[in-house]
Amino acid sequence: MKKLLVLVFVTLISTSVFSTNENPSKKEIRAKIVTLLGNPKFTLDNEVKTIVEFTLNNKGEIVILNVDCEKTQICDYIKNRLNYKKVYSSLNQSSNGVYKIPLTIRNK
């Protein structure tokens, strides 16, 4: 009987640990995006400011909705590097929302 009680207790604890989903903060998301973008292989005349609008689906993937920039090369680079890249294992359906993050791309 004691073993059964311990088994039930361990099962309840492990179930509650695995049922919690990640709810990332904006700083965590921004850090992941900067890491995914890396260093572009093209050169720029001056720095380019963009606003990336995206959401996170329930699989933990970035889904690009809009990239607001003047140069199509940069827009395509951002979309190719970020769209449907997995950044979290899974997300709670209620945590999904539309995020807007300003980015500045410059030569190093």
C-alpha atoms as a PDB file:
ATOM      1  CA  MET A   1       0.000   0.000   0.000  1.00  0.00           C
ATOM      2  CA  LYS A   2       2.845   2.347   0.835  1.00  0.00           C
ATOM      3  CA  LYS A   3       4.494   1.692  -2.543  1.00  0.00           C
ATOM      4  CA  LEU A   4       1.238   2.419  -4.333  1.00  0.00           C
ATOM      5  CA  LEU A   5       0.885   5.740  -2.502  1.00  0.00           C
ATOM      6  CA  VAL A   6       4.462   6.713  -3.429  1.00  0.00           C
ATOM      7  CA  LEU A   7       3.855   5.724  -7.051  1.00  0.00           C
ATOM      8  CA  VAL A   8       0.702   7.861  -7.248  1.00  0.00           C
ATOM      9  CA  PHE A   9       2.515  10.811  -5.652  1.00  0.00           C
ATOM     10  CA  VAL A  10       5.452  10.587  -8.097  1.00  0.00           C
ATOM     11  CA  THR A  11       3.065  10.301 -11.047  1.00  0.00           C
ATOM     12  CA  LEU A  12       1.169  13.422  -9.981  1.00  0.00           C
ATOM     13  CA  ILE A  13       4.353  15.434  -9.536  1.00  0.00           C
ATOM     14  CA  SER A  14       5.844  14.357 -12.865  1.00  0.00           C
ATOM     15  CA  THR A  15       2.570  15.083 -14.675  1.00  0.00           C
ATOM     16  CA  SER A  16       2.389  18.595 -13.265  1.00  0.00           C
ATOM     17  CA  VAL A  17       6.013  19.298 -14.208  1.00  0.00           C
ATOM     18  CA  PHE A  18       5.549  18.226 -17.819  1.00  0.00           C
ATOM     19  CA  SER A  19       2.195  19.936 -18.252  1.00  0.00           C
ATOM     20  CA  THR A  20       3.588  23.424 -17.661  1.00  0.00           C
ATOM     21  CA  ASN A  21       4.388  25.216 -20.891  1.00  0.00           C
ATOM     22  CA  GLU A  22       6.975  27.862 -21.520  1.00  0.00           C
ATOM     23  CA  ASN A  23       5.733  31.413 -21.627  1.00  0.00           C
ATOM     24  CA  PRO A  24       8.688  33.342 -23.005  1.00  0.00           C
ATOM     25  CA  SER A  25       9.258  36.979 -22.213  1.00  0.00           C
ATOM     26  CA  LYS A  26       9.934  39.544 -24.925  1.00  0.00           C
ATOM     27  CA  LYS A  27      13.610  39.716 -23.921  1.00  0.00           C
ATOM     28  CA  GLU A  28      13.993  35.951 -24.336  1.00  0.00           C
ATOM     29  CA  ILE A  29      12.310  36.043 -27.732  1.00  0.00           C
ATOM     30  CA  ARG A  30      14.486  38.954 -28.877  1.00  0.00           C
ATOM     31  CA  ALA A  31      17.649  37.153 -27.759  1.00  0.00           C
ATOM     32  CA  LYS A  32      16.643  34.040 -29.724  1.00  0.00           C
ATOM     33  CA  ILE A  33      15.877  36.130 -32.821  1.00  0.00           C
ATOM     34  CA  VAL A  34      19.238  37.897 -32.676  1.00  0.00           C
ATOM     35  CA  THR A  35      20.961  34.519 -32.359  1.00  0.00           C
ATOM     36  CA  LEU A  36      19.030  33.088 -35.319  1.00  0.00           C
ATOM     37  CA  LEU A  37      19.777  36.097 -37.529  1.00  0.00           C
ATOM     38  CA  GLY A  38      23.518  35.848 -36.939  1.00  0.00           C
ATOM     39  CA  ASN A  39      25.780  37.959 -39.140  1.00  0.00           C
ATOM     40  CA  PRO A  40      24.545  38.681 -42.666  1.00  0.00           C
ATOM     41  CA  LYS A  41      26.908  37.890 -45.524  1.00  0.00           C
ATOM     42  CA  PHE A  42      26.046  41.025 -47.482  1.00  0.00           C
ATOM     43  CA  THR A  43      27.404  44.530 -46.933  1.00  0.00           C
ATOM     44  CA  LEU A  44      25.335  47.582 -46.200  1.00  0.00           C
ATOM     45  CA  ASP A  45      26.001  51.236 -46.942  1.00  0.00           C
ATOM     46  CA  ASN A  46      24.533  52.269 -43.595  1.00  0.00           C
ATOM     47  CA  GLU A  47      22.478  50.706 -40.835  1.00  0.00           C
ATOM     48  CA  VAL A  48      18.959  49.578 -41.647  1.00  0.00           C
ATOM     49  CA  LYS A  49      16.123  49.751 -39.132  1.00  0.00           C
ATOM     50  CA  THR A  50      13.267  47.290 -39.447  1.00  0.00           C
ATOM     51  CA  ILE A  51      10.223  46.211 -37.494  1.00  0.00           C
ATOM     52  CA  VAL A  52       9.518  42.494 -37.501  1.00  0.00           C
ATOM     53  CA  GLU A  53       5.957  41.456 -36.753  1.00  0.00           C
ATOM     54  CA  PHE A  54       5.496  37.784 -35.869  1.00  0.00           C
ATOM     55  CA  THR A  55       3.670  35.293 -33.741  1.00  0.00           C
ATOM     56  CA  LEU A  56       4.624  32.027 -32.092  1.00  0.00           C
ATOM     57  CA  ASN A  57       2.552  28.991 -32.962  1.00  0.00           C
ATOM     58  CA  ASN A  58       1.740  26.205 -30.501  1.00  0.00           C
ATOM     59  CA  LYS A  59       4.729  24.196 -31.770  1.00  0.00           C
ATOM     60  CA  GLY A  60       7.080  26.934 -30.539  1.00  0.00           C
ATOM     61  CA  GLU A  61       7.942  28.169 -34.044  1.00  0.00           C
ATOM     62  CA  ILE A  62       8.281  31.762 -35.203  1.00  0.00           C
ATOM     63  CA  VAL A  63       5.738  32.684 -37.888  1.00  0.00           C
ATOM     64  CA  ILE A  64       6.668  35.927 -39.665  1.00  0.00           C
ATOM     65  CA  LEU A  65       3.661  38.125 -40.393  1.00  0.00           C
ATOM     66  CA  ASN A  66       5.382  41.245 -41.706  1.00  0.00           C
ATOM     67  CA  VAL A  67       8.847  42.745 -42.058  1.00  0.00           C
ATOM     68  CA  ASP A  68       8.776  46.512 -42.433  1.00  0.00           C
ATOM     69  CA  CYS A  69      11.944  47.573 -44.243  1.00  0.00           C
ATOM     70  CA  GLU A  70      12.933  49.390 -47.407  1.00  0.00           C
ATOM     71  CA  LYS A  71      15.339  46.870 -48.950  1.00  0.00           C
ATOM     72  CA  THR A  72      13.879  43.603 -50.213  1.00  0.00           C
ATOM     73  CA  GLN A  73      17.213  41.830 -49.735  1.00  0.00           C
ATOM     74  CA  ILE A  74      17.070  42.475 -46.006  1.00  0.00           C
ATOM     75  CA  CYS A  75      13.382  41.538 -45.765  1.00  0.00           C
ATOM     76  CA  ASP A  76      14.069  38.243 -47.533  1.00  0.00           C
ATOM     77  CA  TYR A  77      17.091  37.569 -45.310  1.00  0.00           C
ATOM     78  CA  ILE A  78      15.039  38.063 -42.138  1.00  0.00           C
ATOM     79  CA  LYS A  79      12.146  35.940 -43.416  1.00  0.00           C
ATOM     80  CA  ASN A  80      14.441  33.094 -44.521  1.00  0.00           C
ATOM     81  CA  ARG A  81      16.394  33.055 -41.273  1.00  0.00           C
ATOM     82  CA  LEU A  82      13.404  33.247 -38.911  1.00  0.00           C
ATOM     83  CA  ASN A  83      10.237  31.863 -40.491  1.00  0.00           C
ATOM     84  CA  TYR A  84       9.174  28.545 -38.926  1.00  0.00           C
ATOM     85  CA  LYS A  85      12.351  28.221 -36.868  1.00  0.00           C
ATOM     86  CA  LYS A  86      11.662  26.401 -33.642  1.00  0.00           C
ATOM     87  CA  VAL A  87      12.635  28.408 -30.598  1.00  0.00           C
ATOM     88  CA  TYR A  88      10.648  26.684 -27.832  1.00  0.00           C
ATOM     89  CA  SER A  89       9.551  23.118 -27.257  1.00  0.00           C
ATOM     90  CA  SER A  90       5.869  23.998 -26.962  1.00  0.00           C
ATOM     91  CA  LEU A  91       3.724  26.931 -25.982  1.00  0.00           C
ATOM     92  CA  ASN A  92       0.424  27.306 -24.252  1.00  0.00           C
ATOM     93  CA  GLN A  93      -2.282  28.280 -26.753  1.00  0.00           C
ATOM     94  CA  SER A  94      -3.266  31.272 -24.605  1.00  0.00           C
ATOM     95  CA  SER A  95       0.284  32.666 -24.665  1.00  0.00           C
ATOM     96  CA  ASN A  96       0.247  33.179 -28.423  1.00  0.00           C
ATOM     97  CA  GLY A  97       0.062  36.781 -29.537  1.00  0.00           C
ATOM     98  CA  VAL A  98       1.441  39.144 -32.127  1.00  0.00           C
ATOM     99  CA  TYR A  99       4.868  40.531 -31.320  1.00  0.00           C
ATOM    100  CA  LYS A 100       6.569  43.553 -32.890  1.00  0.00           C
ATOM    101  CA  ILE A 101      10.307  43.819 -32.413  1.00  0.00           C
ATOM    102  CA  PRO A 102      12.429  46.634 -33.832  1.00  0.00           C
ATOM    103  CA  LEU A 103      15.748  45.475 -35.259  1.00  0.00           C
ATOM    104  CA  THR A 104      18.765  47.420 -36.463  1.00  0.00           C
ATOM    105  CA  ILE A 105      21.080  45.695 -38.928  1.00  0.00           C
ATOM    106  CA  ARG A 106      24.527  47.214 -39.398  1.00  0.00           C
ATOM    107  CA  ASN A 107      27.927  46.236 -40.715  1.00  0.00           C
ATOM    108  CA  LYS A 108      30.527  45.221 -38.189  1.00  0.00           C
END
